[in-house]
Protein backbone atom coordinates (compact mmCIF):
# COMPACT_ATOMS: atom_id res chain seq x y z
CA UNK A 1 91.10 123.13 120.15
CA UNK A 2 94.13 120.86 119.74
CA UNK A 3 94.60 118.80 116.61
CA UNK A 4 97.87 117.17 117.64
CA UNK A 5 98.90 114.40 115.29
CA UNK A 6 97.10 115.69 112.20
CA UNK A 7 97.63 113.81 108.95
CA UNK A 8 100.87 114.70 107.10
CA UNK A 9 100.58 116.94 104.05
CA UNK A 10 101.10 113.95 101.73
CA UNK A 11 98.17 112.17 103.34
CA UNK A 12 100.45 109.53 104.82
CA UNK A 13 99.35 106.98 102.22
CA UNK A 14 102.43 106.73 99.97
CA UNK A 15 102.63 106.93 96.22
CA UNK A 16 99.64 105.68 94.21
CA UNK A 17 99.72 101.99 93.34
CA UNK A 18 100.73 101.04 89.82
CA UNK A 19 97.84 98.59 89.82
CA UNK A 20 95.43 101.42 90.60
CA UNK A 21 96.93 103.43 87.75
CA UNK A 22 96.32 100.45 85.47
CA UNK A 23 92.73 99.92 86.62
CA UNK A 24 91.59 103.57 86.78
CA UNK A 25 88.29 102.21 88.06
CA UNK A 26 86.57 98.86 88.38
CA UNK A 27 87.37 96.00 86.00
CA UNK A 28 84.33 95.16 83.88
CA UNK A 29 83.07 92.33 81.69
CA UNK A 30 82.42 88.68 82.49
CA UNK A 31 85.98 87.42 83.00
CA UNK A 32 87.07 87.49 86.63
CA UNK A 33 90.43 87.75 88.41
CA UNK A 34 89.31 86.08 91.65
CA UNK A 35 88.20 82.60 92.68
CA UNK A 36 84.52 83.55 92.55
CA UNK A 37 82.10 86.39 91.92
CA UNK A 38 81.74 87.28 95.59
CA UNK A 39 85.44 88.02 95.83
CA UNK A 40 85.41 89.66 92.40
CA UNK A 41 82.57 91.93 93.47
CA UNK A 42 84.62 93.12 96.44
CA UNK A 43 87.62 93.82 94.19
CA UNK A 44 85.51 95.69 91.65
CA UNK A 45 83.64 97.75 94.24
CA UNK A 46 86.88 98.76 95.96
CA UNK A 47 88.27 99.92 92.63
CA UNK A 48 84.98 101.59 91.74
CA UNK A 49 85.31 103.67 94.91
CA UNK A 50 88.68 104.86 93.58
CA UNK A 51 87.59 105.55 90.01
CA UNK A 52 88.58 109.15 89.16
CA UNK A 53 84.99 109.66 87.95
CA UNK A 54 83.74 108.63 91.39
CA UNK A 55 86.26 109.65 94.07
CA UNK A 56 87.20 113.18 95.12
CA UNK A 57 90.94 112.55 95.57
CA UNK A 58 91.62 108.97 94.44
CA UNK A 59 95.39 109.52 94.31
CA UNK A 60 95.20 110.02 98.10
CA UNK A 61 92.72 107.13 98.54
CA UNK A 62 90.10 109.73 99.56
CA UNK A 63 86.66 108.90 98.24
CA UNK A 64 84.56 111.73 99.73
CA UNK A 65 83.83 113.69 102.90
CA UNK A 66 87.23 115.30 103.39
CA UNK A 67 89.24 112.23 104.44
CA UNK A 68 86.93 109.24 103.90
CA UNK A 69 89.20 106.55 102.46
CA UNK A 70 88.74 103.21 100.76
CA UNK A 71 92.06 101.80 102.07
CA UNK A 72 94.58 102.94 104.67
CA UNK A 73 97.58 103.21 102.37
CA UNK A 74 98.60 102.21 98.87
CA UNK A 75 100.54 99.27 100.31
CA UNK A 76 97.37 98.16 102.08
CA UNK A 77 95.39 98.60 98.86
CA UNK A 78 97.80 96.31 96.99
CA UNK A 79 97.63 93.77 99.83
CA UNK A 80 93.82 93.80 99.77
CA UNK A 81 93.86 93.07 96.02
CA UNK A 82 96.29 90.17 96.55
CA UNK A 83 94.13 88.72 99.32
CA UNK A 84 90.90 89.04 97.34
CA UNK A 85 92.45 87.27 94.35
CA UNK A 86 93.51 84.34 96.54
CA UNK A 87 90.44 84.25 98.79
CA UNK A 88 88.60 80.94 98.65
CA UNK A 89 84.85 80.35 98.56
CA UNK A 90 84.98 79.14 102.17
CA UNK A 91 87.25 81.86 103.55
CA UNK A 92 86.69 85.26 105.13
CA UNK A 93 89.07 88.23 104.88
CA UNK A 94 89.34 90.66 107.80
CA UNK A 95 90.02 94.34 107.05
CA UNK A 96 90.84 96.67 109.97
CA UNK A 97 90.57 100.34 109.07
CA UNK A 98 91.55 99.78 105.46
CA UNK A 99 94.30 97.22 106.08
CA UNK A 100 93.96 93.43 105.58
CA UNK A 101 94.88 91.75 108.87
CA UNK A 102 93.71 88.15 108.64
CA UNK A 103 92.11 85.42 106.57
CA UNK A 104 90.25 82.48 108.08
CA UNK A 105 88.47 79.38 106.86
CA UNK A 106 84.74 79.77 107.50
CA UNK A 107 82.05 78.43 105.12
CA UNK A 108 80.45 79.42 101.82
CA UNK A 109 77.45 81.10 103.43
CA UNK A 110 79.63 83.31 105.62
CA UNK A 111 80.69 86.80 104.51
CA UNK A 112 83.71 86.85 102.23
CA UNK A 113 84.91 90.15 103.76
CA UNK A 114 84.41 91.67 107.21
CA UNK A 115 85.41 95.33 107.68
CA UNK A 116 85.76 97.54 110.75
CA UNK A 117 86.72 101.21 110.33
CA UNK A 118 87.62 104.02 112.72
CA UNK A 119 86.24 102.34 115.85
CA UNK A 120 87.64 103.50 119.20
CA UNK A 121 86.73 102.64 122.80
CA UNK A 122 84.35 105.23 124.25
CA UNK A 123 86.71 107.16 126.54
CA UNK A 124 89.19 107.56 123.67
CA UNK A 125 86.60 108.06 120.92
CA UNK A 126 87.70 111.59 119.98
CA UNK A 127 89.11 113.34 116.92
CA UNK A 128 92.33 114.06 118.86
CA UNK A 129 92.97 110.39 119.63
CA UNK A 130 91.92 109.36 116.15
CA UNK A 131 94.27 111.81 114.42
CA UNK A 132 97.21 110.72 116.54
CA UNK A 133 96.65 107.12 115.49
CA UNK A 134 95.95 108.14 111.88
CA UNK A 135 99.24 110.07 111.70
CA UNK A 136 101.00 106.91 112.91
CA UNK A 137 99.34 104.87 110.15
CA UNK A 138 97.30 102.74 112.56
CA UNK A 139 93.76 103.71 111.61
CA UNK A 140 91.80 105.48 108.87
CA UNK A 141 88.52 107.33 108.52
CA UNK A 142 86.14 105.16 106.54
CA UNK A 143 83.28 107.67 106.35
CA UNK A 144 80.23 105.56 105.45
CA UNK A 145 80.37 104.04 101.99
CA UNK A 146 84.04 104.90 101.36
CA UNK A 147 85.52 102.36 103.75
CA UNK A 148 82.81 99.78 103.05
CA UNK A 149 83.48 99.87 99.27
CA UNK A 150 79.91 100.87 98.52
CA UNK A 151 80.27 104.41 97.17
CA UNK A 152 78.89 104.99 93.67
CA UNK A 153 79.54 108.71 93.36
CA UNK A 154 77.03 111.51 93.71
CA UNK A 155 74.45 109.32 91.96
CA UNK A 156 74.27 107.33 95.20
CA UNK A 157 73.13 110.15 97.46
CA UNK A 158 70.80 111.88 95.05
CA UNK A 159 67.74 109.83 95.92
CA UNK A 160 68.07 110.27 99.67
CA UNK A 161 68.21 114.02 99.10
CA UNK A 162 65.35 113.74 96.60
CA UNK A 163 63.20 111.79 99.09
CA UNK A 164 63.87 114.33 101.84
CA UNK A 165 62.90 117.26 99.63
CA UNK A 166 59.88 115.42 98.25
CA UNK A 167 58.56 114.86 101.77
CA UNK A 168 59.31 118.50 102.63
CA UNK A 169 57.27 119.56 99.61
CA UNK A 170 54.36 117.39 100.69
CA UNK A 171 54.44 118.59 104.30
CA UNK A 172 55.11 122.29 103.81
CA UNK A 173 53.54 123.07 100.45
CA UNK A 174 51.00 120.33 99.83
CA UNK A 175 52.86 119.08 96.74
CA UNK A 176 56.31 119.64 95.30
CA UNK A 177 58.85 122.51 95.40
CA UNK A 178 57.56 124.28 92.32
CA UNK A 179 58.27 128.02 92.64
CA UNK A 180 60.32 127.55 95.83
CA UNK A 181 63.98 128.56 96.35
CA UNK A 182 66.32 126.28 98.29
CA UNK A 183 69.51 127.96 99.55
CA UNK A 184 72.34 125.63 100.57
CA UNK A 185 76.08 125.02 100.59
CA UNK A 186 78.37 122.36 99.17
CA UNK A 187 78.97 120.60 95.85
CA UNK A 188 81.32 117.85 97.00
CA UNK A 189 80.98 114.08 96.71
CA UNK A 190 77.77 113.93 98.72
CA UNK A 191 76.52 117.51 98.58
CA UNK A 192 76.84 117.66 94.80
CA UNK A 193 73.50 115.86 94.55
CA UNK A 194 71.60 118.80 95.99
CA UNK A 195 70.92 120.88 92.85
CA UNK A 196 69.63 117.90 90.89
CA UNK A 197 67.50 116.65 93.80
CA UNK A 198 65.92 120.10 94.06
CA UNK A 199 65.17 120.43 90.34
CA UNK A 200 63.80 116.88 90.21
CA UNK A 201 61.31 118.13 92.79
CA UNK A 202 60.60 121.12 90.49
CA UNK A 203 62.32 123.64 92.77
CA UNK A 204 65.08 126.23 92.40
CA UNK A 205 68.46 125.59 94.01
CA UNK A 206 70.93 128.35 94.91
CA UNK A 207 74.14 126.78 96.19
CA UNK A 208 77.38 128.27 97.51
CA UNK A 209 80.63 126.36 96.87
CA UNK A 210 84.14 127.62 97.63
CA UNK A 211 85.91 125.28 95.21
CA UNK A 212 85.50 126.22 91.54
CA UNK A 213 86.61 122.73 90.48
CA UNK A 214 83.61 121.19 92.22
CA UNK A 215 81.28 123.61 90.49
CA UNK A 216 82.75 122.69 87.11
CA UNK A 217 82.43 118.98 87.89
CA UNK A 218 78.72 119.33 88.65
CA UNK A 219 78.18 121.34 85.47
CA UNK A 220 79.95 118.68 83.40
CA UNK A 221 77.78 115.88 84.81
CA UNK A 222 74.51 117.87 84.55
CA UNK A 223 73.89 117.88 88.30
CA UNK A 224 73.99 121.68 88.09
CA UNK A 225 72.53 123.95 85.41
CA UNK A 226 74.50 127.20 85.67
CA UNK A 227 77.30 129.04 87.43
CA UNK A 228 76.77 132.72 88.30
CA UNK A 229 79.54 135.30 88.20
CA UNK A 230 78.26 136.95 91.39
CA UNK A 231 75.72 136.49 94.15
CA UNK A 232 73.65 139.33 92.65
CA UNK A 233 73.44 137.45 89.38
CA UNK A 234 72.56 134.21 91.18
CA UNK A 235 69.81 135.83 93.24
CA UNK A 236 68.28 137.45 90.17
CA UNK A 237 68.34 134.21 88.21
CA UNK A 238 66.91 132.16 91.07
CA UNK A 239 64.15 134.68 91.68
CA UNK A 240 63.16 134.76 88.00
CA UNK A 241 63.06 130.94 87.83
CA UNK A 242 60.95 130.73 90.99
CA UNK A 243 58.49 133.32 89.70
CA UNK A 244 58.15 131.31 86.50
CA UNK A 245 57.87 128.05 88.51
CA UNK A 246 60.68 126.57 86.42
CA UNK A 247 63.13 124.00 87.84
CA UNK A 248 66.54 125.65 87.99
CA UNK A 249 69.88 125.44 89.77
CA UNK A 250 72.74 127.91 90.01
CA UNK A 251 76.02 127.94 91.94
CA UNK A 252 78.08 130.86 93.13
CA UNK A 253 81.72 130.55 94.13
CA UNK A 254 81.73 131.78 97.72
CA UNK A 255 81.56 130.63 101.31
CA UNK A 256 78.04 129.61 102.32
CA UNK A 257 78.18 131.58 105.58
CA UNK A 258 78.99 134.71 103.59
CA UNK A 259 76.15 133.97 101.18
CA UNK A 260 73.54 133.47 103.91
CA UNK A 261 74.68 136.54 105.85
CA UNK A 262 74.36 138.62 102.68
CA UNK A 263 70.83 137.29 102.21
CA UNK A 264 70.01 138.38 105.75
CA UNK A 265 71.46 141.85 105.14
CA UNK A 266 69.47 142.24 101.92
CA UNK A 267 66.31 140.79 103.47
CA UNK A 268 66.26 138.07 100.84
CA UNK A 269 64.54 135.09 102.49
CA UNK A 270 64.67 131.79 100.58
CA UNK A 271 61.78 129.41 101.05
CA UNK A 272 64.12 126.69 102.35
CA UNK A 273 67.61 126.80 103.81
CA UNK A 274 69.83 123.78 104.52
CA UNK A 275 73.48 122.71 104.16
CA UNK A 276 75.66 119.78 103.12
CA UNK A 277 79.19 121.06 103.66
CA UNK A 278 81.58 118.63 105.43
CA UNK A 279 81.14 120.39 108.75
CA UNK A 280 81.71 117.16 110.66
CA UNK A 281 85.47 117.68 110.12
CA UNK A 282 86.51 121.24 110.90
CA UNK A 283 90.07 120.67 109.64
CA UNK A 284 89.83 118.52 106.52
CA UNK A 285 86.22 119.01 105.46
CA UNK A 286 85.07 122.58 106.08
CA UNK A 287 86.48 125.78 104.57
CA UNK A 288 86.61 128.93 106.73
CA UNK A 289 85.45 132.29 105.47
CA UNK A 290 88.03 134.85 104.35
CA UNK A 291 90.31 132.45 102.48
CA UNK A 292 90.51 131.15 98.94
CA UNK A 293 90.74 127.39 98.61
CA UNK A 294 94.50 127.60 98.01
CA UNK A 295 95.00 129.96 100.96
CA UNK A 296 92.96 127.71 103.22
CA UNK A 297 94.87 124.61 102.12
CA UNK A 298 98.15 126.39 102.91
CA UNK A 299 96.87 127.46 106.34
CA UNK A 300 95.74 123.91 107.09
CA UNK A 301 99.26 122.65 106.52
CA UNK A 302 101.09 125.50 108.26
CA UNK A 303 98.85 126.20 111.25
CA UNK A 304 96.10 123.58 111.73
CA UNK A 305 94.98 124.98 115.09
CA UNK A 306 94.39 128.41 113.59
CA UNK A 307 92.53 126.75 110.70
CA UNK A 308 90.24 124.89 113.10
CA UNK A 309 89.41 128.05 115.03
CA UNK A 310 88.64 129.89 111.79
CA UNK A 311 86.38 127.04 110.65
CA UNK A 312 84.47 126.96 113.91
CA UNK A 313 84.06 130.75 113.85
CA UNK A 314 82.60 130.45 110.34
CA UNK A 315 80.31 127.60 111.40
CA UNK A 316 78.91 129.76 114.19
CA UNK A 317 78.14 132.55 111.70
CA UNK A 318 76.69 129.89 109.38
CA UNK A 319 74.30 128.61 112.06
CA UNK A 320 73.33 132.12 113.17
CA UNK A 321 72.42 133.03 109.58
CA UNK A 322 70.27 129.91 109.20
CA UNK A 323 68.49 130.68 112.47
CA UNK A 324 67.86 134.28 111.39
CA UNK A 325 66.45 133.16 108.03
CA UNK A 326 64.26 130.65 109.86
CA UNK A 327 62.96 133.44 112.11
CA UNK A 328 62.12 135.41 108.98
CA UNK A 329 60.05 132.57 107.50
CA UNK A 330 62.39 130.11 105.78
CA UNK A 331 61.96 126.39 106.36
CA UNK A 332 65.32 125.33 107.86
CA UNK A 333 66.82 121.91 108.43
CA UNK A 334 70.27 120.35 108.72
CA UNK A 335 71.17 117.55 106.34
CA UNK A 336 73.19 115.43 108.75
CA UNK A 337 76.66 117.02 108.64
CA UNK A 338 76.87 117.89 112.37
CA UNK A 339 77.02 121.62 111.73
CA UNK A 340 74.77 122.27 114.72
CA UNK A 341 76.70 119.89 116.97
CA UNK A 342 80.03 121.51 116.18
CA UNK A 343 78.74 124.96 117.06
CA UNK A 344 76.98 123.79 120.21
CA UNK A 345 80.05 121.93 121.47
CA UNK A 346 82.87 124.25 120.47
CA UNK A 347 81.17 127.65 120.62
CA UNK A 348 78.81 127.00 123.53
CA UNK A 349 75.87 127.98 121.32
CA UNK A 350 72.67 127.41 123.24
CA UNK A 351 70.36 127.68 120.22
CA UNK A 352 72.26 125.67 117.61
CA UNK A 353 69.61 122.94 117.62
CA UNK A 354 66.70 125.32 117.21
CA UNK A 355 66.32 124.04 113.65
CA UNK A 356 65.80 120.31 113.12
CA UNK A 357 67.73 117.57 111.40
CA UNK A 358 66.23 116.11 108.25
CA UNK A 359 65.50 112.68 109.74
CA UNK A 360 63.08 113.67 112.54
CA UNK A 361 61.62 116.36 110.29
CA UNK A 362 60.97 114.32 107.15
CA UNK A 363 62.37 110.78 107.01
CA UNK A 364 61.52 108.94 110.24
CA UNK A 365 58.04 107.73 109.20
CA UNK A 366 59.71 105.87 106.32
CA UNK A 367 62.32 104.42 108.68
CA UNK A 368 59.55 103.11 110.93
CA UNK A 369 58.38 100.92 108.05
CA UNK A 370 61.86 99.68 107.22
CA UNK A 371 62.01 101.88 104.14
CA UNK A 372 65.42 103.07 103.07
CA UNK A 373 68.13 103.01 100.39
CA UNK A 374 68.56 99.97 98.16
CA UNK A 375 71.42 100.48 95.69
CA UNK A 376 72.84 98.16 93.09
CA UNK A 377 75.76 98.17 90.67
CA UNK A 378 76.18 96.27 87.39
CA UNK A 379 79.52 94.45 87.70
CA UNK A 380 79.55 94.02 83.92
CA UNK A 381 79.98 97.76 83.44
CA UNK A 382 77.17 97.64 80.86
CA UNK A 383 74.49 100.36 81.25
CA UNK A 384 72.00 98.02 79.54
CA UNK A 385 72.06 95.85 82.66
CA UNK A 386 70.87 98.77 84.79
CA UNK A 387 68.19 99.60 82.25
CA UNK A 388 66.90 96.03 82.60
CA UNK A 389 66.78 96.36 86.38
CA UNK A 390 64.88 99.64 85.99
CA UNK A 391 62.26 97.77 83.98
CA UNK A 392 62.18 94.99 86.56
CA UNK A 393 61.57 97.20 89.58
CA UNK A 394 58.73 99.14 87.94
CA UNK A 395 57.19 95.85 86.74
CA UNK A 396 57.34 94.43 90.27
CA UNK A 397 55.71 97.45 91.91
CA UNK A 398 53.29 98.83 89.30
CA UNK A 399 51.16 100.65 91.87
CA UNK A 400 54.08 102.59 93.35
CA UNK A 401 53.77 105.85 91.43
CA UNK A 402 56.52 107.54 93.45
CA UNK A 403 58.99 104.77 92.60
CA UNK A 404 58.06 104.83 88.91
CA UNK A 405 58.49 108.60 88.78
CA UNK A 406 61.88 108.33 90.48
CA UNK A 407 63.15 105.70 88.02
CA UNK A 408 61.99 107.80 85.07
CA UNK A 409 63.67 110.91 86.50
CA UNK A 410 66.87 109.00 87.26
CA UNK A 411 67.03 107.61 83.73
CA UNK A 412 66.65 111.11 82.30
CA UNK A 413 68.85 113.12 84.65
CA UNK A 414 71.32 110.97 86.62
CA UNK A 415 74.67 110.37 84.96
CA UNK A 416 76.48 107.14 85.72
CA UNK A 417 79.84 107.44 87.47
CA UNK A 418 82.10 104.40 87.39
CA UNK A 419 80.12 101.17 87.39
CA UNK A 420 76.56 101.79 86.14
CA UNK A 421 74.44 101.89 89.28
CA UNK A 422 71.03 102.82 90.54
CA UNK A 423 69.41 103.50 93.89
CA UNK A 424 65.80 103.50 95.00
CA UNK A 425 64.04 103.37 98.34
CA UNK A 426 62.24 100.14 99.16
CA UNK A 427 60.75 98.96 102.44
CA UNK A 428 59.93 95.92 104.50
CA UNK A 429 56.33 95.55 103.40
CA UNK A 430 55.71 91.85 102.70
CA UNK A 431 53.52 90.27 100.05
CA UNK A 432 51.13 87.35 100.55
CA UNK A 433 54.06 84.90 100.64
CA UNK A 434 55.84 86.89 103.34
CA UNK A 435 58.67 88.21 101.14
CA UNK A 436 59.72 91.83 101.66
CA UNK A 437 59.87 94.49 98.95
CA UNK A 438 63.67 94.48 98.96
CA UNK A 439 63.87 90.69 98.82
CA UNK A 440 61.39 90.51 95.95
CA UNK A 441 63.44 92.88 93.86
CA UNK A 442 66.75 91.21 94.70
CA UNK A 443 65.33 87.80 93.81
CA UNK A 444 64.08 89.15 90.49
CA UNK A 445 67.52 90.56 89.67
CA UNK A 446 69.04 87.19 90.53
CA UNK A 447 66.61 85.47 88.16
CA UNK A 448 67.51 87.88 85.35
CA UNK A 449 71.21 87.14 85.87
CA UNK A 450 70.49 83.39 85.80
CA UNK A 451 68.45 83.77 82.59
CA UNK A 452 71.17 85.84 80.89
CA UNK A 453 69.00 88.94 80.56
CA UNK A 454 71.60 90.68 82.73
CA UNK A 455 75.08 89.94 81.43
CA UNK A 456 77.00 89.59 84.71
CA UNK A 457 76.26 89.55 88.45
CA UNK A 458 74.85 92.56 90.24
CA UNK A 459 75.96 93.64 93.72
CA UNK A 460 73.36 95.13 96.06
CA UNK A 461 74.31 97.37 98.96
CA UNK A 462 72.99 100.57 100.50
CA UNK A 463 73.86 103.88 102.03
CA UNK A 464 73.91 104.28 105.80
CA UNK A 465 70.98 106.69 105.72
CA UNK A 466 69.08 103.67 106.92
CA UNK A 467 66.33 102.62 109.27
CA UNK A 468 68.05 100.09 111.51
CA UNK A 469 71.81 100.18 111.00
CA UNK A 470 72.78 103.53 112.54
CA UNK A 471 73.10 105.17 115.92
CA UNK A 472 73.70 108.87 115.22
CA UNK A 473 72.17 111.34 117.70
CA UNK A 474 72.69 114.29 115.36
CA UNK A 475 71.28 112.51 112.33
CA UNK A 476 69.43 109.16 111.91
CA UNK A 477 68.57 108.76 115.61
CA UNK A 478 68.10 112.42 116.51
CA UNK A 479 65.20 113.04 118.91
CA UNK A 480 64.07 109.42 119.23
CA UNK A 481 60.73 109.14 120.98
CA UNK A 482 62.12 107.07 123.86
CA UNK A 483 65.37 109.02 124.28
CA UNK A 484 67.60 106.24 122.92
CA UNK A 485 69.38 108.51 120.44
CA UNK A 486 72.88 107.38 121.52
CA UNK A 487 72.19 103.67 122.11
CA UNK A 488 74.63 101.89 119.77
CA UNK A 489 73.45 98.31 120.35
CA UNK A 490 71.24 98.53 117.29
CA UNK A 491 73.91 98.87 114.57
CA UNK A 492 75.94 96.14 116.26
CA UNK A 493 72.91 93.85 116.21
CA UNK A 494 72.34 94.80 112.57
CA UNK A 495 75.89 93.76 111.61
CA UNK A 496 75.70 90.52 113.57
CA UNK A 497 72.32 89.66 112.07
CA UNK A 498 73.48 90.35 108.54
CA UNK A 499 76.48 88.07 109.12
CA UNK A 500 74.10 85.36 110.32
CA UNK A 501 71.86 85.94 107.29
CA UNK A 502 74.80 85.51 104.91
CA UNK A 503 75.65 88.94 103.52
CA UNK A 504 78.82 88.81 101.40
CA UNK A 505 80.47 91.90 102.92
CA UNK A 506 79.58 93.29 106.36
CA UNK A 507 81.18 96.42 107.82
CA UNK A 508 81.04 98.44 111.04
CA UNK A 509 82.17 102.09 111.25
CA UNK A 510 82.52 104.97 113.69
CA UNK A 511 82.02 108.58 112.66
CA UNK A 512 80.47 108.68 109.22
CA UNK A 513 79.22 112.03 108.05
CA UNK A 514 79.02 113.49 111.57
CA UNK A 515 82.53 112.78 112.85
CA UNK A 516 84.45 110.53 115.23
CA UNK A 517 82.53 109.73 118.40
CA UNK A 518 79.21 110.91 116.99
CA UNK A 519 77.88 107.80 115.25
CA UNK A 520 78.15 104.06 114.83
CA UNK A 521 76.85 102.50 111.63
CA UNK A 522 77.03 99.35 109.53
CA UNK A 523 76.71 98.26 105.90
CA UNK A 524 76.35 95.09 103.84
CA UNK A 525 76.66 93.76 100.29
CA UNK A 526 74.95 90.83 98.60
CA UNK A 527 76.19 89.52 95.25
CA UNK A 528 73.43 88.31 92.93
CA UNK A 529 75.15 85.88 90.56
CA UNK A 530 72.11 83.88 89.46
CA UNK A 531 72.74 80.95 91.78
CA UNK A 532 70.46 79.33 94.32
CA UNK A 533 72.92 80.32 97.03
CA UNK A 534 72.55 83.98 96.04
CA UNK A 535 68.76 83.63 96.18
CA UNK A 536 68.95 82.18 99.69
CA UNK A 537 71.19 84.99 100.85
CA UNK A 538 69.01 87.66 99.25
CA UNK A 539 65.83 86.30 100.80
CA UNK A 540 67.39 86.34 104.28
CA UNK A 541 69.47 89.54 104.19
CA UNK A 542 66.75 91.65 102.62
CA UNK A 543 64.40 90.52 105.35
CA UNK A 544 66.73 90.95 108.32
CA UNK A 545 68.25 94.26 107.23
CA UNK A 546 65.05 96.32 106.76
CA UNK A 547 63.46 94.33 109.55
CA UNK A 548 65.97 95.84 111.96
CA UNK A 549 64.51 99.25 111.13
CA UNK A 550 61.03 98.05 112.04
CA UNK A 551 62.01 96.48 115.37
CA UNK A 552 64.31 99.36 116.33
CA UNK A 553 61.51 101.91 115.90
CA UNK A 554 58.84 99.60 117.32
CA UNK A 555 60.98 99.25 120.44
CA UNK A 556 61.09 103.05 120.67
CA UNK A 557 57.28 103.18 120.58
CA UNK A 558 56.54 104.52 117.10
CA UNK A 559 53.02 103.58 116.01
CA UNK A 560 54.02 103.37 112.33
CA UNK A 561 56.61 100.73 113.22
CA UNK A 562 54.22 98.79 115.46
CA UNK A 563 51.68 98.86 112.65
CA UNK A 564 54.26 97.55 110.17
CA UNK A 565 55.25 94.80 112.60
CA UNK A 566 51.60 93.71 112.78
CA UNK A 567 51.03 93.98 109.03
CA UNK A 568 54.20 92.13 108.03
CA UNK A 569 54.34 89.68 110.96
CA UNK A 570 57.57 90.97 112.48
CA UNK A 571 58.18 89.52 115.94
CA UNK A 572 58.56 92.23 118.64
CA UNK A 573 58.82 90.01 121.75
CA UNK A 574 58.01 92.39 124.63
CA UNK A 575 55.57 94.77 122.97
CA UNK A 576 52.56 93.41 124.85
CA UNK A 577 54.24 93.05 128.24
CA UNK A 578 54.20 96.74 129.14
């Protein structure tokens, strides 16, 4: 497989900006550098993405996922800061793959920033074409929340992983994961949430990670409990914890394919097997077996084609081991990293999809009701502001025991990275006045900012693990009931609708966690600054955004979505026409 035009060894981004060195994360407090809080929120969230506590390689502008960047180059980063500082309350900044390209007069209810990352016309929508353009400095990989300035570190993904495992526990074991062993791979920016998500569901996590630095980082932030000196030690410790029904997590420094193959050889069958390595990118994201991290990095630079072949060979072994463990009784699922797709496409593996993705297996019923990630960051930098929002969300939804339990667990176990932030899953479900769950919470936060109970504005955004903003046939839209897995009209409509509703940042991306040509997805931000304008925006955006999840799944014929449309009075124009 050719990788002509791969990124230069220096990343092609230039030397780190002196302004970034000065910031070392988001500015905090109540004094602002920009013309208004909407612009200031964009500046702070961009810098939060590049906080060394948050990003994987901030000096290279890489936030997570191998090459997912927040800006195309350090010159572009400096230019974005300049534009945001000058941006008026009736202007909109255009950012094309991490580079500011235009600024136009619009109006105060329009987005302040519009972003498009990594998008290529269909015939040319390939990694080869992308890397040629990337090497020429004409495009960048925005991943999902990296290029939309919405990443909040591993704390941002932990609840999506938690929700998936919680539903697995309900479906497979009639409760939680108590006494069950989850075997997986990866402790990077996204995958690092796995051990904590497992233990929060009372299970035992055994995770393979090739990079010792990532293991240490997860130990330091309490996402991981222990590191084993060998696989034997890890297996013994995991088994003892499972037998005692004690939540526990342990990492072993090795390639996950090697770990799973050894389990097969020893007839050790975990209860659950999954994976969150960056398999979507076989060059920059995934590490082949048989190499140390340093050896693999050297091979990547010296012989990228050989590296790619070694990665794909390892992925095939990886998939075969998962399939064998599934045959022996393990519950197997892929967590959206395109591992199966890579092996099917590049190794002509006819059975790669014989274990499901996590969305059709566990998450889709929630998507049908517009339920998905709602994340918010305190622009003040004060953890007390997040604690007040925690109180507010549990006060608003006192009957939601799952939400209350999540907030309590997050307060106890989830360390803040960069700006204090939180995430929870809320849905469309309207109250008697017709206001959705998400809108109710956003409006309450806005009131608390206006009343001074929260010291500075709060920005609300989300992940792209979302009901109505993604077309990803190997992830969010895998195995749709009506066969519309690859129909990308829906994320485009989501972005257009959120612009019309008045979101403050709207972004559209290709690739995400599954790779160029495999997904189209969108994101949005709303800044809650205590004003009436913010309340108007929140009421609209947090109706339209989750509402897209309801109509998208209702259109595909899901009864849960049709039921939610009836219950919450969502218009689905042709549902009764046959």
